[in-house]
Amino acid sequence: MCEYPEVERIPSDLEKLLDRFFDVSRQDLEQMRNALHVRDFETLVRLGHTARGTGSGYGFKGMGMIGHEIEQAALKRDPDALEQHVDTLARYLDTVRVEFDG
């Protein structure tokens, strides 16, 4: 299993957007869990892709990597891998620390 950063460095101009970012990310995580429960792989592909793009766009490299893994596992229709990656995303969102550049 890949290790993800415990600390992410992001641009300081994004600081005011972080509460909304984490709220939306947790809502997406809940949608992932619901989609996994009913084996809705198309939704998981979309949400994994969103996590990859949004996480990377905000400077959360770990979230981008996990989102990519979710997307790939959904394309393979692998519920066991999906469960593992979704759990990893949940832990990441709960534990990541943010440092600001600039």
PDB file of N, CA and C in Angstrom:
ATOM      1  N   MET A   1       0.836  -1.172   0.000  1.00  0.00           N
ATOM      2  CA  MET A   1       0.000   0.000   0.000  1.00  0.00           C
ATOM      3  C   MET A   1       0.890   1.247   0.000  1.00  0.00           C
ATOM      4  N   CYS A   2       0.476   2.224  -0.748  1.00  0.00           N
ATOM      5  CA  CYS A   2       1.214   3.464  -0.912  1.00  0.00           C
ATOM      6  C   CYS A   2       1.045   4.347   0.325  1.00  0.00           C
ATOM      7  N   GLU A   3       2.100   5.061   0.661  1.00  0.00           N
ATOM      8  CA  GLU A   3       2.024   6.013   1.773  1.00  0.00           C
ATOM      9  C   GLU A   3       1.635   7.378   1.224  1.00  0.00           C
ATOM     10  N   TYR A   4       0.844   8.096   1.990  1.00  0.00           N
ATOM     11  CA  TYR A   4       0.383   9.415   1.591  1.00  0.00           C
ATOM     12  C   TYR A   4       0.927  10.442   2.552  1.00  0.00           C
ATOM     13  N   PRO A   5       1.130  11.659   2.056  1.00  0.00           N
ATOM     14  CA  PRO A   5       1.693  12.694   2.926  1.00  0.00           C
ATOM     15  C   PRO A   5       0.806  12.985   4.128  1.00  0.00           C
ATOM     16  N   GLU A   6       1.434  13.149   5.266  1.00  0.00           N
ATOM     17  CA  GLU A   6       0.701  13.564   6.464  1.00  0.00           C
ATOM     18  C   GLU A   6       0.515  15.072   6.467  1.00  0.00           C
ATOM     19  N   VAL A   7       1.415  15.765   5.781  1.00  0.00           N
ATOM     20  CA  VAL A   7       1.361  17.217   5.695  1.00  0.00           C
ATOM     21  C   VAL A   7       1.341  17.591   4.219  1.00  0.00           C
ATOM     22  N   GLU A   8       0.404  18.426   3.853  1.00  0.00           N
ATOM     23  CA  GLU A   8       0.329  18.932   2.479  1.00  0.00           C
ATOM     24  C   GLU A   8       0.598  20.425   2.518  1.00  0.00           C
ATOM     25  N   ARG A   9       1.416  20.896   1.603  1.00  0.00           N
ATOM     26  CA  ARG A   9       1.720  22.327   1.481  1.00  0.00           C
ATOM     27  C   ARG A   9       0.890  22.872   0.333  1.00  0.00           C
ATOM     28  N   ILE A  10       0.053  23.829   0.645  1.00  0.00           N
ATOM     29  CA  ILE A  10      -0.800  24.409  -0.387  1.00  0.00           C
ATOM     30  C   ILE A  10      -0.628  25.925  -0.417  1.00  0.00           C
ATOM     31  N   PRO A  11      -0.988  26.551  -1.523  1.00  0.00           N
ATOM     32  CA  PRO A  11      -0.873  28.010  -1.600  1.00  0.00           C
ATOM     33  C   PRO A  11      -1.751  28.694  -0.557  1.00  0.00           C
ATOM     34  N   SER A  12      -1.213  29.720   0.059  1.00  0.00           N
ATOM     35  CA  SER A  12      -1.942  30.404   1.133  1.00  0.00           C
ATOM     36  C   SER A  12      -3.224  31.071   0.643  1.00  0.00           C
ATOM     37  N   ASP A  13      -3.309  31.391  -0.651  1.00  0.00           N
ATOM     38  CA  ASP A  13      -4.529  32.027  -1.147  1.00  0.00           C
ATOM     39  C   ASP A  13      -5.715  31.066  -1.185  1.00  0.00           C
ATOM     40  N   LEU A  14      -5.484  29.784  -0.967  1.00  0.00           N
ATOM     41  CA  LEU A  14      -6.576  28.799  -0.913  1.00  0.00           C
ATOM     42  C   LEU A  14      -7.098  28.579   0.509  1.00  0.00           C
ATOM     43  N   GLU A  15      -6.467  29.196   1.498  1.00  0.00           N
ATOM     44  CA  GLU A  15      -6.827  28.949   2.896  1.00  0.00           C
ATOM     45  C   GLU A  15      -8.315  29.190   3.156  1.00  0.00           C
ATOM     46  N   LYS A  16      -8.860  30.265   2.632  1.00  0.00           N
ATOM     47  CA  LYS A  16     -10.260  30.597   2.910  1.00  0.00           C
ATOM     48  C   LYS A  16     -11.240  29.620   2.258  1.00  0.00           C
ATOM     49  N   LEU A  17     -10.768  28.779   1.343  1.00  0.00           N
ATOM     50  CA  LEU A  17     -11.633  27.814   0.658  1.00  0.00           C
ATOM     51  C   LEU A  17     -11.601  26.427   1.299  1.00  0.00           C
ATOM     52  N   LEU A  18     -10.734  26.222   2.281  1.00  0.00           N
ATOM     53  CA  LEU A  18     -10.512  24.875   2.801  1.00  0.00           C
ATOM     54  C   LEU A  18     -11.712  24.277   3.534  1.00  0.00           C
ATOM     55  N   ASP A  19     -12.440  25.070   4.303  1.00  0.00           N
ATOM     56  CA  ASP A  19     -13.598  24.501   4.997  1.00  0.00           C
ATOM     57  C   ASP A  19     -14.579  23.912   3.988  1.00  0.00           C
ATOM     58  N   ARG A  20     -14.885  24.669   2.950  1.00  0.00           N
ATOM     59  CA  ARG A  20     -15.796  24.183   1.902  1.00  0.00           C
ATOM     60  C   ARG A  20     -15.200  22.969   1.190  1.00  0.00           C
ATOM     61  N   PHE A  21     -13.891  23.014   0.898  1.00  0.00           N
ATOM     62  CA  PHE A  21     -13.211  21.898   0.244  1.00  0.00           C
ATOM     63  C   PHE A  21     -13.388  20.612   1.046  1.00  0.00           C
ATOM     64  N   PHE A  22     -13.138  20.672   2.352  1.00  0.00           N
ATOM     65  CA  PHE A  22     -13.256  19.471   3.182  1.00  0.00           C
ATOM     66  C   PHE A  22     -14.716  19.041   3.343  1.00  0.00           C
ATOM     67  N   ASP A  23     -15.643  19.991   3.434  1.00  0.00           N
ATOM     68  CA  ASP A  23     -17.067  19.633   3.510  1.00  0.00           C
ATOM     69  C   ASP A  23     -17.506  18.872   2.262  1.00  0.00           C
ATOM     70  N   VAL A  24     -17.165  19.397   1.098  1.00  0.00           N
ATOM     71  CA  VAL A  24     -17.546  18.755  -0.160  1.00  0.00           C
ATOM     72  C   VAL A  24     -16.843  17.403  -0.304  1.00  0.00           C
ATOM     73  N   SER A  25     -15.587  17.332   0.087  1.00  0.00           N
ATOM     74  CA  SER A  25     -14.843  16.071  -0.004  1.00  0.00           C
ATOM     75  C   SER A  25     -15.477  14.994   0.876  1.00  0.00           C
ATOM     76  N   ARG A  26     -15.931  15.378   2.052  1.00  0.00           N
ATOM     77  CA  ARG A  26     -16.584  14.402   2.946  1.00  0.00           C
ATOM     78  C   ARG A  26     -17.955  13.992   2.398  1.00  0.00           C
ATOM     79  N   GLN A  27     -18.663  14.912   1.753  1.00  0.00           N
ATOM     80  CA  GLN A  27     -19.934  14.558   1.102  1.00  0.00           C
ATOM     81  C   GLN A  27     -19.677  13.566  -0.035  1.00  0.00           C
ATOM     82  N   ASP A  28     -18.629  13.816  -0.821  1.00  0.00           N
ATOM     83  CA  ASP A  28     -18.272  12.891  -1.895  1.00  0.00           C
ATOM     84  C   ASP A  28     -17.881  11.527  -1.331  1.00  0.00           C
ATOM     85  N   LEU A  29     -17.177  11.532  -0.205  1.00  0.00           N
ATOM     86  CA  LEU A  29     -16.798  10.278   0.440  1.00  0.00           C
ATOM     87  C   LEU A  29     -18.039   9.477   0.828  1.00  0.00           C
ATOM     88  N   GLU A  30     -19.044  10.145   1.375  1.00  0.00           N
ATOM     89  CA  GLU A  30     -20.291   9.462   1.737  1.00  0.00           C
ATOM     90  C   GLU A  30     -20.980   8.907   0.495  1.00  0.00           C
ATOM     91  N   GLN A  31     -20.960   9.658  -0.588  1.00  0.00           N
ATOM     92  CA  GLN A  31     -21.532   9.163  -1.847  1.00  0.00           C
ATOM     93  C   GLN A  31     -20.757   7.949  -2.348  1.00  0.00           C
ATOM     94  N   MET A  32     -19.446   7.949  -2.163  1.00  0.00           N
ATOM     95  CA  MET A  32     -18.633   6.788  -2.544  1.00  0.00           C
ATOM     96  C   MET A  32     -19.051   5.559  -1.754  1.00  0.00           C
ATOM     97  N   ARG A  33     -19.226   5.738  -0.463  1.00  0.00           N
ATOM     98  CA  ARG A  33     -19.631   4.598   0.377  1.00  0.00           C
ATOM     99  C   ARG A  33     -20.996   4.061  -0.066  1.00  0.00           C
ATOM    100  N   ASN A  34     -21.927   4.967  -0.357  1.00  0.00           N
ATOM    101  CA  ASN A  34     -23.254   4.535  -0.821  1.00  0.00           C
ATOM    102  C   ASN A  34     -23.162   3.828  -2.172  1.00  0.00           C
ATOM    103  N   ALA A  35     -22.359   4.367  -3.072  1.00  0.00           N
ATOM    104  CA  ALA A  35     -22.196   3.754  -4.390  1.00  0.00           C
ATOM    105  C   ALA A  35     -21.534   2.381  -4.269  1.00  0.00           C
ATOM    106  N   LEU A  36     -20.581   2.263  -3.390  1.00  0.00           N
ATOM    107  CA  LEU A  36     -19.917   0.974  -3.179  1.00  0.00           C
ATOM    108  C   LEU A  36     -20.907  -0.055  -2.648  1.00  0.00           C
ATOM    109  N   HIS A  37     -21.763   0.382  -1.753  1.00  0.00           N
ATOM    110  CA  HIS A  37     -22.756  -0.515  -1.162  1.00  0.00           C
ATOM    111  C   HIS A  37     -23.673  -1.136  -2.229  1.00  0.00           C
ATOM    112  N   VAL A  38     -24.025  -0.351  -3.244  1.00  0.00           N
ATOM    113  CA  VAL A  38     -24.926  -0.853  -4.299  1.00  0.00           C
ATOM    114  C   VAL A  38     -24.168  -1.235  -5.570  1.00  0.00           C
ATOM    115  N   ARG A  39     -22.844  -1.239  -5.497  1.00  0.00           N
ATOM    116  CA  ARG A  39     -21.980  -1.616  -6.632  1.00  0.00           C
ATOM    117  C   ARG A  39     -22.213  -0.719  -7.849  1.00  0.00           C
ATOM    118  N   ASP A  40     -22.338   0.584  -7.596  1.00  0.00           N
ATOM    119  CA  ASP A  40     -22.509   1.578  -8.660  1.00  0.00           C
ATOM    120  C   ASP A  40     -21.115   2.043  -9.092  1.00  0.00           C
ATOM    121  N   PHE A  41     -20.497   1.261  -9.959  1.00  0.00           N
ATOM    122  CA  PHE A  41     -19.116   1.520 -10.350  1.00  0.00           C
ATOM    123  C   PHE A  41     -18.969   2.797 -11.185  1.00  0.00           C
ATOM    124  N   GLU A  42     -19.982   3.136 -11.960  1.00  0.00           N
ATOM    125  CA  GLU A  42     -19.906   4.354 -12.772  1.00  0.00           C
ATOM    126  C   GLU A  42     -19.802   5.597 -11.869  1.00  0.00           C
ATOM    127  N   THR A  43     -20.601   5.629 -10.819  1.00  0.00           N
ATOM    128  CA  THR A  43     -20.524   6.748  -9.878  1.00  0.00           C
ATOM    129  C   THR A  43     -19.164   6.778  -9.195  1.00  0.00           C
ATOM    130  N   LEU A  44     -18.631   5.619  -8.871  1.00  0.00           N
ATOM    131  CA  LEU A  44     -17.314   5.557  -8.229  1.00  0.00           C
ATOM    132  C   LEU A  44     -16.212   6.021  -9.174  1.00  0.00           C
ATOM    133  N   VAL A  45     -16.324   5.711 -10.467  1.00  0.00           N
ATOM    134  CA  VAL A  45     -15.356   6.225 -11.438  1.00  0.00           C
ATOM    135  C   VAL A  45     -15.397   7.755 -11.428  1.00  0.00           C
ATOM    136  N   ARG A  46     -16.603   8.303 -11.497  1.00  0.00           N
ATOM    137  CA  ARG A  46     -16.770   9.757 -11.542  1.00  0.00           C
ATOM    138  C   ARG A  46     -16.239  10.412 -10.264  1.00  0.00           C
ATOM    139  N   LEU A  47     -16.617   9.869  -9.107  1.00  0.00           N
ATOM    140  CA  LEU A  47     -16.185  10.464  -7.839  1.00  0.00           C
ATOM    141  C   LEU A  47     -14.679  10.307  -7.619  1.00  0.00           C
ATOM    142  N   GLY A  48     -14.121   9.197  -8.036  1.00  0.00           N
ATOM    143  CA  GLY A  48     -12.668   9.021  -7.949  1.00  0.00           C
ATOM    144  C   GLY A  48     -11.952  10.030  -8.823  1.00  0.00           C
ATOM    145  N   HIS A  49     -12.473  10.227 -10.029  1.00  0.00           N
ATOM    146  CA  HIS A  49     -11.895  11.210 -10.948  1.00  0.00           C
ATOM    147  C   HIS A  49     -11.985  12.617 -10.354  1.00  0.00           C
ATOM    148  N   THR A  50     -13.118  12.922  -9.753  1.00  0.00           N
ATOM    149  CA  THR A  50     -13.311  14.230  -9.112  1.00  0.00           C
ATOM    150  C   THR A  50     -12.322  14.414  -7.966  1.00  0.00           C
ATOM    151  N   ALA A  51     -12.167  13.398  -7.127  1.00  0.00           N
ATOM    152  CA  ALA A  51     -11.218  13.487  -6.004  1.00  0.00           C
ATOM    153  C   ALA A  51      -9.799  13.679  -6.519  1.00  0.00           C
ATOM    154  N   ARG A  52      -9.462  12.988  -7.581  1.00  0.00           N
ATOM    155  CA  ARG A  52      -8.125  13.125  -8.157  1.00  0.00           C
ATOM    156  C   ARG A  52      -7.898  14.560  -8.637  1.00  0.00           C
ATOM    157  N   GLY A  53      -8.833  15.077  -9.417  1.00  0.00           N
ATOM    158  CA  GLY A  53      -8.666  16.408  -9.983  1.00  0.00           C
ATOM    159  C   GLY A  53      -8.752  17.512  -8.951  1.00  0.00           C
ATOM    160  N   THR A  54      -9.736  17.433  -8.083  1.00  0.00           N
ATOM    161  CA  THR A  54      -9.919  18.471  -7.071  1.00  0.00           C
ATOM    162  C   THR A  54      -8.767  18.450  -6.075  1.00  0.00           C
ATOM    163  N   GLY A  55      -8.420  17.265  -5.605  1.00  0.00           N
ATOM    164  CA  GLY A  55      -7.313  17.165  -4.654  1.00  0.00           C
ATOM    165  C   GLY A  55      -6.025  17.719  -5.236  1.00  0.00           C
ATOM    166  N   SER A  56      -5.704  17.301  -6.440  1.00  0.00           N
ATOM    167  CA  SER A  56      -4.477  17.783  -7.078  1.00  0.00           C
ATOM    168  C   SER A  56      -4.548  19.281  -7.333  1.00  0.00           C
ATOM    169  N   GLY A  57      -5.717  19.769  -7.747  1.00  0.00           N
ATOM    170  CA  GLY A  57      -5.889  21.190  -8.037  1.00  0.00           C
ATOM    171  C   GLY A  57      -5.684  22.076  -6.815  1.00  0.00           C
ATOM    172  N   TYR A  58      -6.046  21.576  -5.655  1.00  0.00           N
ATOM    173  CA  TYR A  58      -5.880  22.337  -4.422  1.00  0.00           C
ATOM    174  C   TYR A  58      -4.507  22.118  -3.792  1.00  0.00           C
ATOM    175  N   GLY A  59      -3.733  21.201  -4.333  1.00  0.00           N
ATOM    176  CA  GLY A  59      -2.404  20.926  -3.791  1.00  0.00           C
ATOM    177  C   GLY A  59      -2.361  19.743  -2.843  1.00  0.00           C
ATOM    178  N   PHE A  60      -3.454  18.987  -2.760  1.00  0.00           N
ATOM    179  CA  PHE A  60      -3.499  17.802  -1.904  1.00  0.00           C
ATOM    180  C   PHE A  60      -3.093  16.590  -2.742  1.00  0.00           C
ATOM    181  N   LYS A  61      -1.784  16.389  -2.847  1.00  0.00           N
ATOM    182  CA  LYS A  61      -1.251  15.329  -3.705  1.00  0.00           C
ATOM    183  C   LYS A  61      -1.739  13.946  -3.276  1.00  0.00           C
ATOM    184  N   GLY A  62      -1.802  13.734  -1.966  1.00  0.00           N
ATOM    185  CA  GLY A  62      -2.262  12.433  -1.465  1.00  0.00           C
ATOM    186  C   GLY A  62      -3.684  12.137  -1.897  1.00  0.00           C
ATOM    187  N   MET A  63      -4.545  13.127  -1.799  1.00  0.00           N
ATOM    188  CA  MET A  63      -5.933  12.938  -2.220  1.00  0.00           C
ATOM    189  C   MET A  63      -6.004  12.663  -3.716  1.00  0.00           C
ATOM    190  N   GLY A  64      -5.177  13.346  -4.482  1.00  0.00           N
ATOM    191  CA  GLY A  64      -5.132  13.081  -5.920  1.00  0.00           C
ATOM    192  C   GLY A  64      -4.739  11.642  -6.218  1.00  0.00           C
ATOM    193  N   MET A  65      -3.755  11.139  -5.472  1.00  0.00           N
ATOM    194  CA  MET A  65      -3.301   9.758  -5.672  1.00  0.00           C
ATOM    195  C   MET A  65      -4.393   8.762  -5.276  1.00  0.00           C
ATOM    196  N   ILE A  66      -5.047   9.008  -4.156  1.00  0.00           N
ATOM    197  CA  ILE A  66      -6.108   8.102  -3.701  1.00  0.00           C
ATOM    198  C   ILE A  66      -7.280   8.146  -4.678  1.00  0.00           C
ATOM    199  N   GLY A  67      -7.646   9.337  -5.140  1.00  0.00           N
ATOM    200  CA  GLY A  67      -8.719   9.460  -6.123  1.00  0.00           C
ATOM    201  C   GLY A  67      -8.420   8.663  -7.377  1.00  0.00           C
ATOM    202  N   HIS A  68      -7.177   8.715  -7.825  1.00  0.00           N
ATOM    203  CA  HIS A  68      -6.768   7.924  -8.997  1.00  0.00           C
ATOM    204  C   HIS A  68      -6.953   6.433  -8.728  1.00  0.00           C
ATOM    205  N   GLU A  69      -6.564   5.982  -7.540  1.00  0.00           N
ATOM    206  CA  GLU A  69      -6.707   4.559  -7.200  1.00  0.00           C
ATOM    207  C   GLU A  69      -8.178   4.150  -7.143  1.00  0.00           C
ATOM    208  N   ILE A  70      -9.036   5.036  -6.627  1.00  0.00           N
ATOM    209  CA  ILE A  70     -10.471   4.747  -6.596  1.00  0.00           C
ATOM    210  C   ILE A  70     -11.005   4.640  -8.016  1.00  0.00           C
ATOM    211  N   GLU A  71     -10.634   5.590  -8.854  1.00  0.00           N
ATOM    212  CA  GLU A  71     -11.082   5.578 -10.245  1.00  0.00           C
ATOM    213  C   GLU A  71     -10.657   4.292 -10.951  1.00  0.00           C
ATOM    214  N   GLN A  72      -9.408   3.908 -10.788  1.00  0.00           N
ATOM    215  CA  GLN A  72      -8.907   2.697 -11.453  1.00  0.00           C
ATOM    216  C   GLN A  72      -9.590   1.435 -10.934  1.00  0.00           C
ATOM    217  N   ALA A  73      -9.777   1.346  -9.622  1.00  0.00           N
ATOM    218  CA  ALA A  73     -10.442   0.171  -9.049  1.00  0.00           C
ATOM    219  C   ALA A  73     -11.898   0.093  -9.513  1.00  0.00           C
ATOM    220  N   ALA A  74     -12.548   1.240  -9.667  1.00  0.00           N
ATOM    221  CA  ALA A  74     -13.933   1.253 -10.152  1.00  0.00           C
ATOM    222  C   ALA A  74     -13.991   0.808 -11.602  1.00  0.00           C
ATOM    223  N   LEU A  75     -13.031   1.243 -12.409  1.00  0.00           N
ATOM    224  CA  LEU A  75     -12.992   0.803 -13.807  1.00  0.00           C
ATOM    225  C   LEU A  75     -12.800  -0.709 -13.902  1.00  0.00           C
ATOM    226  N   LYS A  76     -12.068  -1.288 -12.942  1.00  0.00           N
ATOM    227  CA  LYS A  76     -11.844  -2.741 -12.897  1.00  0.00           C
ATOM    228  C   LYS A  76     -12.984  -3.476 -12.192  1.00  0.00           C
ATOM    229  N   ARG A  77     -13.933  -2.688 -11.637  1.00  0.00           N
ATOM    230  CA  ARG A  77     -15.062  -3.261 -10.898  1.00  0.00           C
ATOM    231  C   ARG A  77     -14.576  -4.168  -9.762  1.00  0.00           C
ATOM    232  N   ASP A  78     -13.655  -3.640  -8.973  1.00  0.00           N
ATOM    233  CA  ASP A  78     -13.022  -4.384  -7.885  1.00  0.00           C
ATOM    234  C   ASP A  78     -13.507  -3.829  -6.537  1.00  0.00           C
ATOM    235  N   PRO A  79     -14.589  -4.409  -5.985  1.00  0.00           N
ATOM    236  CA  PRO A  79     -15.152  -3.861  -4.746  1.00  0.00           C
ATOM    237  C   PRO A  79     -14.203  -3.948  -3.551  1.00  0.00           C
ATOM    238  N   ASP A  80     -13.364  -4.979  -3.485  1.00  0.00           N
ATOM    239  CA  ASP A  80     -12.438  -5.093  -2.355  1.00  0.00           C
ATOM    240  C   ASP A  80     -11.410  -3.966  -2.379  1.00  0.00           C
ATOM    241  N   ALA A  81     -10.841  -3.705  -3.546  1.00  0.00           N
ATOM    242  CA  ALA A  81      -9.878  -2.606  -3.659  1.00  0.00           C
ATOM    243  C   ALA A  81     -10.573  -1.274  -3.408  1.00  0.00           C
ATOM    244  N   LEU A  82     -11.783  -1.123  -3.914  1.00  0.00           N
ATOM    245  CA  LEU A  82     -12.523   0.115  -3.702  1.00  0.00           C
ATOM    246  C   LEU A  82     -12.758   0.371  -2.225  1.00  0.00           C
ATOM    247  N   GLU A  83     -13.160  -0.645  -1.508  1.00  0.00           N
ATOM    248  CA  GLU A  83     -13.392  -0.472  -0.069  1.00  0.00           C
ATOM    249  C   GLU A  83     -12.117  -0.015   0.633  1.00  0.00           C
ATOM    250  N   GLN A  84     -11.005  -0.623   0.260  1.00  0.00           N
ATOM    251  CA  GLN A  84      -9.720  -0.247   0.864  1.00  0.00           C
ATOM    252  C   GLN A  84      -9.375   1.211   0.537  1.00  0.00           C
ATOM    253  N   HIS A  85      -9.526   1.602  -0.713  1.00  0.00           N
ATOM    254  CA  HIS A  85      -9.165   2.966  -1.121  1.00  0.00           C
ATOM    255  C   HIS A  85     -10.108   4.009  -0.535  1.00  0.00           C
ATOM    256  N   VAL A  86     -11.396   3.695  -0.452  1.00  0.00           N
ATOM    257  CA  VAL A  86     -12.349   4.621   0.150  1.00  0.00           C
ATOM    258  C   VAL A  86     -12.031   4.803   1.633  1.00  0.00           C
ATOM    259  N   ASP A  87     -11.691   3.713   2.312  1.00  0.00           N
ATOM    260  CA  ASP A  87     -11.284   3.818   3.716  1.00  0.00           C
ATOM    261  C   ASP A  87     -10.010   4.655   3.858  1.00  0.00           C
ATOM    262  N   THR A  88      -9.077   4.486   2.913  1.00  0.00           N
ATOM    263  CA  THR A  88      -7.846   5.274   2.932  1.00  0.00           C
ATOM    264  C   THR A  88      -8.154   6.752   2.757  1.00  0.00           C
ATOM    265  N   LEU A  89      -9.079   7.071   1.861  1.00  0.00           N
ATOM    266  CA  LEU A  89      -9.472   8.465   1.666  1.00  0.00           C
ATOM    267  C   LEU A  89     -10.078   9.035   2.947  1.00  0.00           C
ATOM    268  N   ALA A  90     -10.903   8.259   3.619  1.00  0.00           N
ATOM    269  CA  ALA A  90     -11.507   8.722   4.873  1.00  0.00           C
ATOM    270  C   ALA A  90     -10.424   9.026   5.905  1.00  0.00           C
ATOM    271  N   ARG A  91      -9.458   8.119   6.058  1.00  0.00           N
ATOM    272  CA  ARG A  91      -8.353   8.354   7.012  1.00  0.00           C
ATOM    273  C   ARG A  91      -7.538   9.582   6.608  1.00  0.00           C
ATOM    274  N   TYR A  92      -7.291   9.711   5.328  1.00  0.00           N
ATOM    275  CA  TYR A  92      -6.527  10.855   4.833  1.00  0.00           C
ATOM    276  C   TYR A  92      -7.233  12.165   5.181  1.00  0.00           C
ATOM    277  N   LEU A  93      -8.522  12.252   4.889  1.00  0.00           N
ATOM    278  CA  LEU A  93      -9.267  13.482   5.170  1.00  0.00           C
ATOM    279  C   LEU A  93      -9.304  13.791   6.662  1.00  0.00           C
ATOM    280  N   ASP A  94      -9.298  12.760   7.491  1.00  0.00           N
ATOM    281  CA  ASP A  94      -9.340  12.957   8.941  1.00  0.00           C
ATOM    282  C   ASP A  94      -7.988  13.343   9.538  1.00  0.00           C
ATOM    283  N   THR A  95      -6.891  13.006   8.858  1.00  0.00           N
ATOM    284  CA  THR A  95      -5.578  13.163   9.495  1.00  0.00           C
ATOM    285  C   THR A  95      -4.635  14.136   8.799  1.00  0.00           C
ATOM    286  N   VAL A  96      -4.912  14.505   7.559  1.00  0.00           N
ATOM    287  CA  VAL A  96      -3.972  15.370   6.832  1.00  0.00           C
ATOM    288  C   VAL A  96      -3.843  16.722   7.535  1.00  0.00           C
ATOM    289  N   ARG A  97      -2.628  17.200   7.591  1.00  0.00           N
ATOM    290  CA  ARG A  97      -2.359  18.530   8.133  1.00  0.00           C
ATOM    291  C   ARG A  97      -1.948  19.439   6.979  1.00  0.00           C
ATOM    292  N   VAL A  98      -2.319  20.684   7.100  1.00  0.00           N
ATOM    293  CA  VAL A  98      -2.075  21.653   6.030  1.00  0.00           C
ATOM    294  C   VAL A  98      -1.068  22.688   6.481  1.00  0.00           C
ATOM    295  N   GLU A  99      -0.091  22.939   5.633  1.00  0.00           N
ATOM    296  CA  GLU A  99       0.843  24.059   5.810  1.00  0.00           C
ATOM    297  C   GLU A  99       0.683  24.934   4.577  1.00  0.00           C
ATOM    298  N   PHE A 100       0.810  26.225   4.766  1.00  0.00           N
ATOM    299  CA  PHE A 100       0.585  27.162   3.677  1.00  0.00           C
ATOM    300  C   PHE A 100       1.903  27.729   3.144  1.00  0.00           C
ATOM    301  N   ASP A 101       2.007  27.791   1.828  1.00  0.00           N
ATOM    302  CA  ASP A 101       3.141  28.438   1.165  1.00  0.00           C
ATOM    303  C   ASP A 101       2.814  29.923   1.029  1.00  0.00           C
ATOM    304  N   GLY A 102       3.796  30.723   1.284  1.00  0.00           N
ATOM    305  CA  GLY A 102       3.625  32.167   1.066  1.00  0.00           C
ATOM    306  C   GLY A 102       2.935  32.796   2.162  1.00  0.00           C
TER     307      GLY A 102
END
